């Protein structure tokens, strides 16, 4: 198994587990949030899905400087249901995974992604791991939300 295969496996496993959590949130609880400053469940799901799209654009551009000039299809698409958001995101997800599959092993170390606007410049490989970690953290937050709401949580450790 090469580096690209491992990255894809990680992205697919993280998303598979996220979807298990997202689908387990009752529809009438998607607008729940623990306090006024937090994301609702729906907002957090959208944040993760939209975040992957935005991260992909950052990787393509080799940094976040040009991000504000790029069109964001999520800005005009309101969240309705988990299934609808997943369907809407699928083509963007496929493009992102194709991007990762097409990388050369040397790209992971030689390409630098400039995010100095938020305080760092990292290698492409580092950024790819950060993207998966970002989703994992929010999945954990949603599991905590579900615990707080008293909602049955899915087993993501299968």
C-alpha atoms as a PDB file:
ATOM      1  CA  UNK A   1       0.000   0.000   0.000  1.00  0.00           C
ATOM      2  CA  UNK A   2       1.454   3.362  -0.988  1.00  0.00           C
ATOM      3  CA  UNK A   3       1.026   6.785   0.632  1.00  0.00           C
ATOM      4  CA  UNK A   4      -1.875   7.768  -1.632  1.00  0.00           C
ATOM      5  CA  UNK A   5      -3.712   4.533  -0.845  1.00  0.00           C
ATOM      6  CA  UNK A   6      -3.303   5.164   2.880  1.00  0.00           C
ATOM      7  CA  UNK A   7      -4.519   8.750   2.565  1.00  0.00           C
ATOM      8  CA  UNK A   8      -7.594   7.639   0.602  1.00  0.00           C
ATOM      9  CA  UNK A   9      -8.308   4.847   3.093  1.00  0.00           C
ATOM     10  CA  UNK A  10      -8.108   7.355   5.932  1.00  0.00           C
ATOM     11  CA  UNK A  11     -10.415   9.849   4.190  1.00  0.00           C
ATOM     12  CA  UNK A  12     -12.933   7.120   3.382  1.00  0.00           C
ATOM     13  CA  UNK A  13     -12.893   5.679   6.904  1.00  0.00           C
ATOM     14  CA  UNK A  14     -13.256   9.086   8.545  1.00  0.00           C
ATOM     15  CA  UNK A  15     -16.187   9.954   6.266  1.00  0.00           C
ATOM     16  CA  UNK A  16     -17.837   6.539   6.732  1.00  0.00           C
ATOM     17  CA  UNK A  17     -17.797   7.031  10.489  1.00  0.00           C
ATOM     18  CA  UNK A  18     -18.944  10.635  10.224  1.00  0.00           C
ATOM     19  CA  UNK A  19     -21.917   9.567   8.115  1.00  0.00           C
ATOM     20  CA  UNK A  20     -22.874   6.961  10.725  1.00  0.00           C
ATOM     21  CA  UNK A  21     -23.019   9.748  13.298  1.00  0.00           C
ATOM     22  CA  UNK A  22     -24.781  12.250  11.024  1.00  0.00           C
ATOM     23  CA  UNK A  23     -27.486   9.766  10.084  1.00  0.00           C
ATOM     24  CA  UNK A  24     -28.062   8.854  13.727  1.00  0.00           C
ATOM     25  CA  UNK A  25     -29.043  12.403  14.699  1.00  0.00           C
ATOM     26  CA  UNK A  26     -32.847  12.601  14.730  1.00  0.00           C
ATOM     27  CA  UNK A  27     -34.211  15.130  12.222  1.00  0.00           C
ATOM     28  CA  UNK A  28     -35.918  17.037  15.014  1.00  0.00           C
ATOM     29  CA  UNK A  29     -32.542  17.471  16.753  1.00  0.00           C
ATOM     30  CA  UNK A  30     -30.503  18.784  13.823  1.00  0.00           C
ATOM     31  CA  UNK A  31     -30.983  22.381  15.025  1.00  0.00           C
ATOM     32  CA  UNK A  32     -29.897  21.579  18.590  1.00  0.00           C
ATOM     33  CA  UNK A  33     -26.765  23.203  19.968  1.00  0.00           C
ATOM     34  CA  UNK A  34     -25.287  23.191  23.471  1.00  0.00           C
ATOM     35  CA  UNK A  35     -25.118  26.989  23.792  1.00  0.00           C
ATOM     36  CA  UNK A  36     -25.725  30.182  21.838  1.00  0.00           C
ATOM     37  CA  UNK A  37     -22.141  30.365  20.510  1.00  0.00           C
ATOM     38  CA  UNK A  38     -21.943  26.779  19.234  1.00  0.00           C
ATOM     39  CA  UNK A  39     -22.812  25.280  15.869  1.00  0.00           C
ATOM     40  CA  UNK A  40     -26.079  23.394  15.604  1.00  0.00           C
ATOM     41  CA  UNK A  41     -25.748  19.762  14.532  1.00  0.00           C
ATOM     42  CA  UNK A  42     -26.769  20.744  10.996  1.00  0.00           C
ATOM     43  CA  UNK A  43     -24.303  23.640  10.918  1.00  0.00           C
ATOM     44  CA  UNK A  44     -21.489  21.362  12.039  1.00  0.00           C
ATOM     45  CA  UNK A  45     -22.295  18.779   9.369  1.00  0.00           C
ATOM     46  CA  UNK A  46     -22.361  21.531   6.746  1.00  0.00           C
ATOM     47  CA  UNK A  47     -19.126  22.986   8.136  1.00  0.00           C
ATOM     48  CA  UNK A  48     -17.367  19.651   7.621  1.00  0.00           C
ATOM     49  CA  UNK A  49     -18.722  19.049   4.125  1.00  0.00           C
ATOM     50  CA  UNK A  50     -18.135  22.620   2.984  1.00  0.00           C
ATOM     51  CA  UNK A  51     -14.759  22.618   4.706  1.00  0.00           C
ATOM     52  CA  UNK A  52     -13.573  19.717   2.576  1.00  0.00           C
ATOM     53  CA  UNK A  53     -14.555  21.646  -0.557  1.00  0.00           C
ATOM     54  CA  UNK A  54     -12.724  24.756   0.674  1.00  0.00           C
ATOM     55  CA  UNK A  55      -9.648  22.793   1.724  1.00  0.00           C
ATOM     56  CA  UNK A  56      -9.558  21.217  -1.724  1.00  0.00           C
ATOM     57  CA  UNK A  57      -9.551  24.688  -3.287  1.00  0.00           C
ATOM     58  CA  UNK A  58      -6.732  25.719  -0.942  1.00  0.00           C
ATOM     59  CA  UNK A  59      -4.705  22.684  -2.018  1.00  0.00           C
ATOM     60  CA  UNK A  60      -5.290  23.386  -5.708  1.00  0.00           C
ATOM     61  CA  UNK A  61      -4.276  27.034  -5.272  1.00  0.00           C
ATOM     62  CA  UNK A  62      -1.349  26.074  -2.976  1.00  0.00           C
ATOM     63  CA  UNK A  63      -2.706  28.421  -0.355  1.00  0.00           C
ATOM     64  CA  UNK A  64      -5.705  30.304   0.933  1.00  0.00           C
ATOM     65  CA  UNK A  65      -4.895  33.714  -0.552  1.00  0.00           C
ATOM     66  CA  UNK A  66      -7.094  33.237  -3.636  1.00  0.00           C
ATOM     67  CA  UNK A  67      -9.912  31.516  -1.759  1.00  0.00           C
ATOM     68  CA  UNK A  68     -12.138  34.593  -1.446  1.00  0.00           C
ATOM     69  CA  UNK A  69     -12.219  35.020  -5.242  1.00  0.00           C
ATOM     70  CA  UNK A  70     -13.382  31.455  -5.915  1.00  0.00           C
ATOM     71  CA  UNK A  71     -17.090  30.593  -6.112  1.00  0.00           C
ATOM     72  CA  UNK A  72     -18.422  28.551  -3.203  1.00  0.00           C
ATOM     73  CA  UNK A  73     -21.458  26.439  -4.169  1.00  0.00           C
ATOM     74  CA  UNK A  74     -22.368  26.011  -0.500  1.00  0.00           C
ATOM     75  CA  UNK A  75     -23.035  29.724   0.023  1.00  0.00           C
ATOM     76  CA  UNK A  76     -26.312  29.553  -1.884  1.00  0.00           C
ATOM     77  CA  UNK A  77     -27.370  26.028  -0.875  1.00  0.00           C
ATOM     78  CA  UNK A  78     -29.164  25.950   2.482  1.00  0.00           C
ATOM     79  CA  UNK A  79     -28.934  22.812   4.602  1.00  0.00           C
ATOM     80  CA  UNK A  80     -32.136  20.770   4.473  1.00  0.00           C
ATOM     81  CA  UNK A  81     -31.353  17.157   5.386  1.00  0.00           C
ATOM     82  CA  UNK A  82     -28.260  15.043   5.946  1.00  0.00           C
ATOM     83  CA  UNK A  83     -29.054  12.947   2.875  1.00  0.00           C
ATOM     84  CA  UNK A  84     -29.552  15.979   0.651  1.00  0.00           C
ATOM     85  CA  UNK A  85     -26.302  17.557   1.819  1.00  0.00           C
ATOM     86  CA  UNK A  86     -24.435  14.307   1.208  1.00  0.00           C
ATOM     87  CA  UNK A  87     -25.889  14.056  -2.301  1.00  0.00           C
ATOM     88  CA  UNK A  88     -25.004  17.688  -3.021  1.00  0.00           C
ATOM     89  CA  UNK A  89     -21.456  17.151  -1.747  1.00  0.00           C
ATOM     90  CA  UNK A  90     -20.809  13.886  -3.614  1.00  0.00           C
ATOM     91  CA  UNK A  91     -19.396  15.369  -6.851  1.00  0.00           C
ATOM     92  CA  UNK A  92     -17.081  17.638  -4.848  1.00  0.00           C
ATOM     93  CA  UNK A  93     -16.041  14.690  -2.681  1.00  0.00           C
ATOM     94  CA  UNK A  94     -15.216  12.653  -5.794  1.00  0.00           C
ATOM     95  CA  UNK A  95     -13.135  15.529  -7.205  1.00  0.00           C
ATOM     96  CA  UNK A  96     -11.251  15.835  -3.922  1.00  0.00           C
ATOM     97  CA  UNK A  97     -10.487  12.102  -3.748  1.00  0.00           C
ATOM     98  CA  UNK A  98      -9.415  12.108  -7.409  1.00  0.00           C
ATOM     99  CA  UNK A  99      -7.036  14.960  -6.598  1.00  0.00           C
ATOM    100  CA  UNK A 100      -5.499  12.933  -3.772  1.00  0.00           C
ATOM    101  CA  UNK A 101      -5.262   9.790  -5.919  1.00  0.00           C
ATOM    102  CA  UNK A 102      -3.451  11.752  -8.632  1.00  0.00           C
ATOM    103  CA  UNK A 103      -0.690  13.043  -6.388  1.00  0.00           C
ATOM    104  CA  UNK A 104       2.865  11.879  -6.788  1.00  0.00           C
ATOM    105  CA  UNK A 105       4.617  10.637  -3.644  1.00  0.00           C
ATOM    106  CA  UNK A 106       7.126  13.487  -3.919  1.00  0.00           C
ATOM    107  CA  UNK A 107       4.266  16.046  -3.980  1.00  0.00           C
ATOM    108  CA  UNK A 108       3.415  15.224  -0.374  1.00  0.00           C
ATOM    109  CA  UNK A 109       6.733  16.679   0.811  1.00  0.00           C
ATOM    110  CA  UNK A 110       7.720  19.099  -1.933  1.00  0.00           C
ATOM    111  CA  UNK A 111       4.500  21.094  -2.308  1.00  0.00           C
ATOM    112  CA  UNK A 112       3.963  23.781   0.302  1.00  0.00           C
ATOM    113  CA  UNK A 113       0.511  25.094   1.156  1.00  0.00           C
ATOM    114  CA  UNK A 114       0.618  28.717   2.285  1.00  0.00           C
ATOM    115  CA  UNK A 115      -1.906  29.437   4.989  1.00  0.00           C
ATOM    116  CA  UNK A 116       0.069  32.291   6.463  1.00  0.00           C
ATOM    117  CA  UNK A 117      -3.209  34.203   6.669  1.00  0.00           C
ATOM    118  CA  UNK A 118      -4.057  31.882   9.588  1.00  0.00           C
ATOM    119  CA  UNK A 119      -0.494  31.433  10.796  1.00  0.00           C
ATOM    120  CA  UNK A 120       1.162  28.526   9.031  1.00  0.00           C
ATOM    121  CA  UNK A 121       2.731  27.054   5.907  1.00  0.00           C
ATOM    122  CA  UNK A 122       2.694  23.242   5.709  1.00  0.00           C
ATOM    123  CA  UNK A 123       3.542  20.478   3.287  1.00  0.00           C
ATOM    124  CA  UNK A 124       0.755  19.014   1.184  1.00  0.00           C
ATOM    125  CA  UNK A 125       1.004  15.732   3.103  1.00  0.00           C
ATOM    126  CA  UNK A 126       0.593  17.541   6.403  1.00  0.00           C
ATOM    127  CA  UNK A 127      -2.409  19.456   5.076  1.00  0.00           C
ATOM    128  CA  UNK A 128      -4.116  16.271   3.894  1.00  0.00           C
ATOM    129  CA  UNK A 129      -3.798  14.782   7.369  1.00  0.00           C
ATOM    130  CA  UNK A 130      -5.148  18.005   8.889  1.00  0.00           C
ATOM    131  CA  UNK A 131      -8.227  17.827   6.667  1.00  0.00           C
ATOM    132  CA  UNK A 132      -9.091  14.334   7.903  1.00  0.00           C
ATOM    133  CA  UNK A 133      -8.359  15.357  11.487  1.00  0.00           C
ATOM    134  CA  UNK A 134     -10.678  18.364  11.171  1.00  0.00           C
ATOM    135  CA  UNK A 135     -13.561  16.085  10.230  1.00  0.00           C
ATOM    136  CA  UNK A 136     -12.692  13.619  12.995  1.00  0.00           C
ATOM    137  CA  UNK A 137     -12.733  16.326  15.653  1.00  0.00           C
ATOM    138  CA  UNK A 138     -16.180  17.517  14.573  1.00  0.00           C
ATOM    139  CA  UNK A 139     -17.486  13.958  14.521  1.00  0.00           C
ATOM    140  CA  UNK A 140     -16.356  13.639  18.117  1.00  0.00           C
ATOM    141  CA  UNK A 141     -18.104  16.893  18.968  1.00  0.00           C
ATOM    142  CA  UNK A 142     -21.338  15.601  17.459  1.00  0.00           C
ATOM    143  CA  UNK A 143     -21.048  12.408  19.513  1.00  0.00           C
ATOM    144  CA  UNK A 144     -20.772  14.621  22.590  1.00  0.00           C
ATOM    145  CA  UNK A 145     -23.804  16.619  21.448  1.00  0.00           C
ATOM    146  CA  UNK A 146     -25.730  13.370  21.120  1.00  0.00           C
ATOM    147  CA  UNK A 147     -24.693  12.275  24.611  1.00  0.00           C
ATOM    148  CA  UNK A 148     -25.819  15.632  26.018  1.00  0.00           C
ATOM    149  CA  UNK A 149     -29.160  15.410  24.168  1.00  0.00           C
ATOM    150  CA  UNK A 150     -29.691  11.871  25.448  1.00  0.00           C
ATOM    151  CA  UNK A 151     -29.717  10.493  21.893  1.00  0.00           C
ATOM    152  CA  UNK A 152     -28.476   6.974  21.219  1.00  0.00           C
ATOM    153  CA  UNK A 153     -24.999   7.150  19.694  1.00  0.00           C
ATOM    154  CA  UNK A 154     -23.870   4.805  16.913  1.00  0.00           C
ATOM    155  CA  UNK A 155     -20.915   2.515  17.354  1.00  0.00           C
ATOM    156  CA  UNK A 156     -18.225   4.009  15.138  1.00  0.00           C
ATOM    157  CA  UNK A 157     -15.576   1.555  16.377  1.00  0.00           C
ATOM    158  CA  UNK A 158     -16.653  -1.335  14.182  1.00  0.00           C
END
